[in-house]
Amino acid sequence: MTRNNEDRLGVKDEGQNAPVSETAQSPLSFVSPTEFVDLPTGGRFYPEGHPLQGKDTLEIRYMTAKDEDILTSKTLLKKGVAVDRMLQNILVDKSINVDELFIGDKNALVVAARVSGYGPEYKTNVTCPACGASAVHTFDLSDISVKLSELEEVTITDKGTFTLQLPRTKVNVECRLLTGKDERNMSAAAEKRKKYNLPEAPLTQLLKTIIVSLNGETESEVIEEFIGKMPAMDSKYLRAAYEKVVPNVDMKHLYSCDSCGTDTTLDIPFSVSFFWPDR
């Protein structure tokens, strides 16, 4: 949804008898158009008191040249926060913090911002999973749909968390969705482990981040100890359940390889050309 041109331009044609202050106004003084983006979560997982609790859309304005400055800032790119800063800048409601958005909702904003700035066509290199051939493929971002929660055996709480029972230990686990801040912190933790030549631990790090309580116990030491001893069956079940519960944008796209003729499904990659199509 976008505002009409009269609202964007901020002026009306009052004729030759209009006051000087109105006729002298520049025809280029206008407000950027906005649109409402559908949130995959529908606001269901945000806690009470959060500005998005129960809200199924979020208003953003179209990208501008100033937003492109943010995306091309060498300092912000080096810190890995250029896209987050751009998203924060285009939010109409400034009380909302991009860091607190759940991953699915943030991804929906990223796609919407890309379409408003550069259109729905997205050209990037892809690799055929069948034969390994590389080719330039054009994705239509307007075809992206919302993936809703698929798991029925979970209970969503009043706090926006969800609970389920593990199959082997029968422990009742309470989990939360990852936010943009969580994702960044997990990436930083992985880099730190790599720096000090420590073994990678992506699965346990994910579990430590999403688990809120175990049988009602919220102490981090207890949760960490349980994760270290969790049977692989329970770990696999919990991670699979989380993937099915999390609402997100569906980035899967049908791809036909010109080299081997195989039809397959690919995830649309967030490559460097997503927001920098001319690079």
Protein backbone atom coordinates (compact mmCIF):
# COMPACT_ATOMS: atom_id res chain seq x y z
CA MET A 1 0.00 0.00 0.00
CA THR A 2 1.31 3.45 -0.88
CA ARG A 3 0.11 6.92 -0.19
CA ASN A 4 -1.43 8.85 -3.05
CA ASN A 5 0.60 11.40 -5.04
CA GLU A 6 -1.12 14.36 -3.46
CA ASP A 7 -0.05 13.19 -0.01
CA ARG A 8 3.50 12.51 -1.24
CA LEU A 9 3.89 15.87 -2.97
CA GLY A 10 2.48 17.74 0.00
CA VAL A 11 1.03 20.51 -2.23
CA LYS A 12 -2.17 21.21 -4.10
CA ASP A 13 -2.63 23.40 -7.18
CA GLU A 14 -4.53 26.41 -5.75
CA GLY A 15 -4.29 28.43 -8.98
CA GLN A 16 -2.75 31.86 -9.65
CA ASN A 17 -4.52 33.51 -6.73
CA ALA A 18 -2.87 31.29 -4.16
CA PRO A 19 -0.72 33.03 -1.50
CA VAL A 20 2.91 33.60 -2.44
CA SER A 21 4.12 31.26 0.32
CA GLU A 22 2.20 28.39 -1.29
CA THR A 23 2.95 29.09 -4.96
CA ALA A 24 6.65 29.55 -4.15
CA GLN A 25 6.87 26.09 -2.64
CA SER A 26 9.12 23.79 -4.63
CA PRO A 27 7.27 21.07 -6.55
CA LEU A 28 10.07 18.73 -5.45
CA SER A 29 9.17 19.04 -1.74
CA PHE A 30 7.51 15.71 -1.20
CA VAL A 31 7.33 12.92 1.32
CA SER A 32 8.64 9.51 0.28
CA PRO A 33 5.87 7.01 -0.46
CA THR A 34 5.37 4.19 2.03
CA GLU A 35 4.05 0.66 1.98
CA PHE A 36 2.83 -1.87 4.52
CA VAL A 37 4.83 -5.10 4.68
CA ASP A 38 3.11 -8.31 5.79
CA LEU A 39 4.90 -9.76 8.82
CA PRO A 40 5.33 -13.55 8.72
CA THR A 41 4.85 -13.75 12.50
CA GLY A 42 1.61 -11.78 12.36
CA GLY A 43 2.80 -10.23 15.62
CA ARG A 44 2.06 -13.47 17.49
CA PHE A 45 5.49 -14.07 19.01
CA TYR A 46 6.20 -10.58 20.33
CA PRO A 47 5.75 -10.14 24.10
CA GLU A 48 3.06 -7.98 25.62
CA GLY A 49 4.02 -4.32 25.47
CA HIS A 50 6.08 -4.65 22.30
CA PRO A 51 4.89 -2.23 19.57
CA LEU A 52 4.46 -5.15 17.13
CA GLN A 53 2.56 -7.45 19.48
CA GLY A 54 -0.54 -8.55 17.56
CA LYS A 55 0.36 -6.48 14.48
CA ASP A 56 0.39 -8.25 11.12
CA THR A 57 1.95 -5.43 9.06
CA LEU A 58 4.73 -2.87 9.42
CA GLU A 59 4.97 0.41 7.52
CA ILE A 60 8.21 1.34 5.78
CA ARG A 61 9.08 4.12 3.36
CA TYR A 62 10.69 3.54 0.00
CA MET A 63 14.48 3.56 -0.17
CA THR A 64 16.14 6.85 -1.11
CA ALA A 65 19.61 8.00 -2.20
CA LYS A 66 20.47 8.63 1.47
CA ASP A 67 19.63 5.01 2.24
CA GLU A 68 22.00 3.98 -0.54
CA ASP A 69 24.69 6.01 1.23
CA ILE A 70 24.14 3.83 4.29
CA LEU A 71 24.39 0.64 2.23
CA THR A 72 27.66 1.75 0.63
CA SER A 73 29.31 3.04 3.82
CA LYS A 74 32.66 1.23 4.11
CA THR A 75 32.60 1.59 7.90
CA LEU A 76 29.13 0.07 8.25
CA LEU A 77 29.89 -2.66 5.73
CA LYS A 78 33.04 -3.62 7.63
CA LYS A 79 31.03 -3.86 10.86
CA GLY A 80 28.33 -5.89 9.07
CA VAL A 81 25.52 -3.53 10.09
CA ALA A 82 24.83 -1.61 6.85
CA VAL A 83 21.58 -3.42 6.03
CA ASP A 84 20.35 -3.14 9.64
CA ARG A 85 21.03 0.62 9.68
CA MET A 86 19.20 1.03 6.38
CA LEU A 87 16.19 -0.90 7.68
CA GLN A 88 16.12 1.18 10.86
CA ASN A 89 16.18 4.32 8.74
CA ILE A 90 13.17 3.36 6.60
CA LEU A 91 10.90 2.32 9.48
CA VAL A 92 8.06 4.79 9.86
CA ASP A 93 7.52 3.90 13.54
CA LYS A 94 10.83 4.87 15.16
CA SER A 95 9.88 3.18 18.44
CA ILE A 96 10.61 -0.17 16.77
CA ASN A 97 14.17 -1.48 17.03
CA VAL A 98 15.37 -3.56 14.07
CA ASP A 99 17.53 -5.61 16.47
CA GLU A 100 14.36 -6.81 18.20
CA LEU A 101 12.64 -8.00 15.02
CA PHE A 102 12.33 -11.74 14.59
CA ILE A 103 14.36 -13.11 11.69
CA GLY A 104 11.33 -13.87 9.51
CA ASP A 105 9.92 -10.36 9.90
CA LYS A 106 13.31 -8.82 9.26
CA ASN A 107 13.72 -10.89 6.10
CA ALA A 108 10.33 -9.67 4.88
CA LEU A 109 11.48 -6.07 5.33
CA VAL A 110 14.75 -6.76 3.51
CA VAL A 111 12.91 -8.14 0.48
CA ALA A 112 10.37 -5.29 0.48
CA ALA A 113 13.11 -2.67 0.73
CA ARG A 114 15.04 -4.28 -2.12
CA VAL A 115 11.94 -4.28 -4.35
CA SER A 116 11.12 -0.64 -3.54
CA GLY A 117 14.70 0.42 -4.27
CA TYR A 118 15.64 -1.60 -7.33
CA GLY A 119 12.56 -3.48 -8.51
CA PRO A 120 11.59 -7.15 -8.25
CA GLU A 121 14.16 -8.54 -10.72
CA TYR A 122 17.23 -9.95 -8.99
CA LYS A 123 20.10 -11.27 -11.11
CA THR A 124 22.79 -13.31 -9.39
CA ASN A 125 25.07 -16.30 -9.93
CA VAL A 126 23.69 -19.70 -8.93
CA THR A 127 25.20 -23.17 -8.93
CA CYS A 128 23.24 -26.20 -10.07
CA PRO A 129 23.19 -28.75 -7.22
CA ALA A 130 22.99 -31.60 -9.75
CA CYS A 131 25.92 -30.87 -12.08
CA GLY A 132 27.74 -27.97 -10.42
CA ALA A 133 27.38 -25.65 -13.41
CA SER A 134 27.36 -21.94 -12.60
CA ALA A 135 25.07 -19.50 -14.37
CA VAL A 136 23.43 -16.10 -14.00
CA HIS A 137 19.79 -16.46 -13.07
CA THR A 138 17.04 -13.85 -12.65
CA PHE A 139 14.74 -14.28 -9.65
CA ASP A 140 11.38 -12.51 -9.39
CA LEU A 141 11.20 -11.20 -5.82
CA SER A 142 7.52 -10.39 -6.22
CA ASP A 143 6.84 -14.15 -6.22
CA ILE A 144 8.16 -14.59 -2.69
CA SER A 145 5.47 -15.76 -0.27
CA VAL A 146 5.18 -16.09 3.50
CA LYS A 147 5.92 -19.41 5.19
CA LEU A 148 3.69 -19.87 8.23
CA SER A 149 4.16 -22.16 11.23
CA GLU A 150 3.68 -25.79 10.23
CA LEU A 151 3.86 -27.60 13.57
CA GLU A 152 0.67 -28.31 15.52
CA GLU A 153 2.15 -30.02 18.58
CA VAL A 154 3.49 -26.79 20.07
CA THR A 155 1.79 -24.29 22.35
CA ILE A 156 2.35 -20.56 21.96
CA THR A 157 2.44 -18.85 25.37
CA ASP A 158 1.27 -15.37 26.40
CA LYS A 159 4.95 -14.32 26.44
CA GLY A 160 5.33 -15.10 22.73
CA THR A 161 7.39 -18.23 23.40
CA PHE A 162 6.38 -21.76 22.42
CA THR A 163 6.58 -25.05 24.30
CA LEU A 164 6.93 -28.68 23.27
CA GLN A 165 7.96 -32.01 24.81
CA LEU A 166 11.15 -33.78 23.79
CA PRO A 167 10.59 -37.39 22.62
CA ARG A 168 13.44 -39.16 24.49
CA THR A 169 13.80 -37.34 27.82
CA LYS A 170 10.17 -36.12 27.96
CA VAL A 171 11.42 -32.73 29.12
CA ASN A 172 9.08 -29.81 28.45
CA VAL A 173 11.07 -27.16 26.59
CA GLU A 174 10.14 -23.50 26.24
CA CYS A 175 11.76 -21.72 23.28
CA ARG A 176 11.76 -18.31 21.67
CA LEU A 177 12.34 -17.11 18.13
CA LEU A 178 15.68 -15.66 17.11
CA THR A 179 15.99 -11.91 16.58
CA GLY A 180 18.39 -10.02 14.37
CA LYS A 181 20.51 -9.26 17.43
CA ASP A 182 20.66 -12.97 18.34
CA GLU A 183 21.82 -13.83 14.83
CA ARG A 184 24.57 -11.21 14.98
CA ASN A 185 25.70 -12.36 18.45
CA MET A 186 25.86 -15.99 17.31
CA SER A 187 27.97 -14.98 14.32
CA ALA A 188 30.31 -13.00 16.58
CA ALA A 189 30.62 -15.96 18.97
CA ALA A 190 31.52 -18.24 16.07
CA GLU A 191 34.20 -15.81 14.89
CA LYS A 192 35.62 -15.61 18.41
CA ARG A 193 35.86 -19.40 18.67
CA LYS A 194 37.59 -19.49 15.29
CA LYS A 195 40.04 -16.80 16.38
CA TYR A 196 41.11 -18.81 19.42
CA ASN A 197 41.17 -22.13 17.50
CA LEU A 198 38.28 -23.52 19.51
CA PRO A 199 36.04 -26.23 18.02
CA GLU A 200 32.92 -25.03 16.24
CA ALA A 201 29.67 -25.40 18.17
CA PRO A 202 26.84 -24.05 15.98
CA LEU A 203 24.19 -26.52 17.18
CA THR A 204 24.73 -26.07 20.91
CA GLN A 205 25.03 -22.29 20.45
CA LEU A 206 21.66 -22.25 18.71
CA LEU A 207 20.06 -24.30 21.49
CA LYS A 208 21.55 -22.06 24.19
CA THR A 209 20.06 -19.05 22.43
CA ILE A 210 16.53 -20.29 21.76
CA ILE A 211 15.83 -22.30 24.95
CA VAL A 212 14.11 -20.22 27.63
CA SER A 213 13.29 -22.91 30.19
CA LEU A 214 13.34 -26.65 30.84
CA ASN A 215 10.42 -27.99 32.91
CA GLY A 216 10.02 -24.40 34.11
CA GLU A 217 13.68 -24.04 35.14
CA THR A 218 15.20 -20.86 33.70
CA GLU A 219 18.73 -20.86 35.20
CA SER A 220 21.27 -20.60 32.38
CA GLU A 221 23.66 -23.00 34.12
CA VAL A 222 20.98 -25.70 34.30
CA ILE A 223 20.01 -25.17 30.65
CA GLU A 224 23.63 -25.28 29.49
CA GLU A 225 24.31 -28.48 31.45
CA PHE A 226 21.23 -30.16 29.96
CA ILE A 227 22.21 -29.13 26.43
CA GLY A 228 25.62 -30.74 26.94
CA LYS A 229 23.94 -34.02 27.86
CA MET A 230 20.91 -33.83 25.57
CA PRO A 231 20.39 -37.02 23.52
CA ALA A 232 20.98 -36.51 19.82
CA MET A 233 17.37 -37.59 19.13
CA ASP A 234 16.02 -34.76 21.28
CA SER A 235 18.45 -32.24 19.80
CA LYS A 236 17.49 -33.16 16.24
CA TYR A 237 13.78 -33.09 17.09
CA LEU A 238 14.01 -29.66 18.71
CA ARG A 239 15.96 -28.13 15.82
CA ALA A 240 13.56 -29.60 13.25
CA ALA A 241 10.57 -28.39 15.27
CA TYR A 242 12.05 -24.90 15.51
CA GLU A 243 12.48 -24.71 11.73
CA LYS A 244 8.83 -25.66 11.25
CA VAL A 245 7.53 -23.27 13.92
CA VAL A 246 9.41 -20.17 12.75
CA PRO A 247 7.35 -18.00 10.35
CA ASN A 248 9.51 -16.63 7.58
CA VAL A 249 9.56 -15.58 3.95
CA ASP A 250 9.71 -18.52 1.56
CA MET A 251 12.90 -17.96 -0.43
CA LYS A 252 12.64 -21.21 -2.40
CA HIS A 253 12.49 -20.87 -6.17
CA LEU A 254 12.17 -23.38 -9.03
CA TYR A 255 15.35 -23.48 -11.12
CA SER A 256 15.94 -25.24 -14.44
CA CYS A 257 19.61 -25.86 -15.29
CA ASP A 258 20.51 -25.12 -18.92
CA SER A 259 23.55 -27.38 -18.69
CA CYS A 260 22.02 -30.65 -17.47
CA GLY A 261 18.28 -29.91 -17.79
CA THR A 262 17.58 -30.74 -14.13
CA ASP A 263 14.65 -28.99 -12.47
CA THR A 264 15.34 -28.29 -8.81
CA THR A 265 14.43 -25.94 -5.99
CA LEU A 266 16.95 -23.35 -4.85
CA ASP A 267 16.96 -20.89 -1.98
CA ILE A 268 17.26 -17.36 -3.37
CA PRO A 269 20.76 -16.31 -2.22
CA PHE A 270 21.37 -13.07 -0.34
CA SER A 271 24.55 -12.35 -2.31
CA VAL A 272 26.39 -9.03 -2.55
CA SER A 273 24.29 -8.14 -5.60
CA PHE A 274 21.04 -8.22 -3.60
CA PHE A 275 21.37 -4.59 -2.51
CA TRP A 276 24.23 -3.70 -4.82
CA PRO A 277 22.96 -4.86 -8.25
CA ASP A 278 25.56 -2.88 -10.19
CA ARG A 279 28.57 -4.40 -8.45
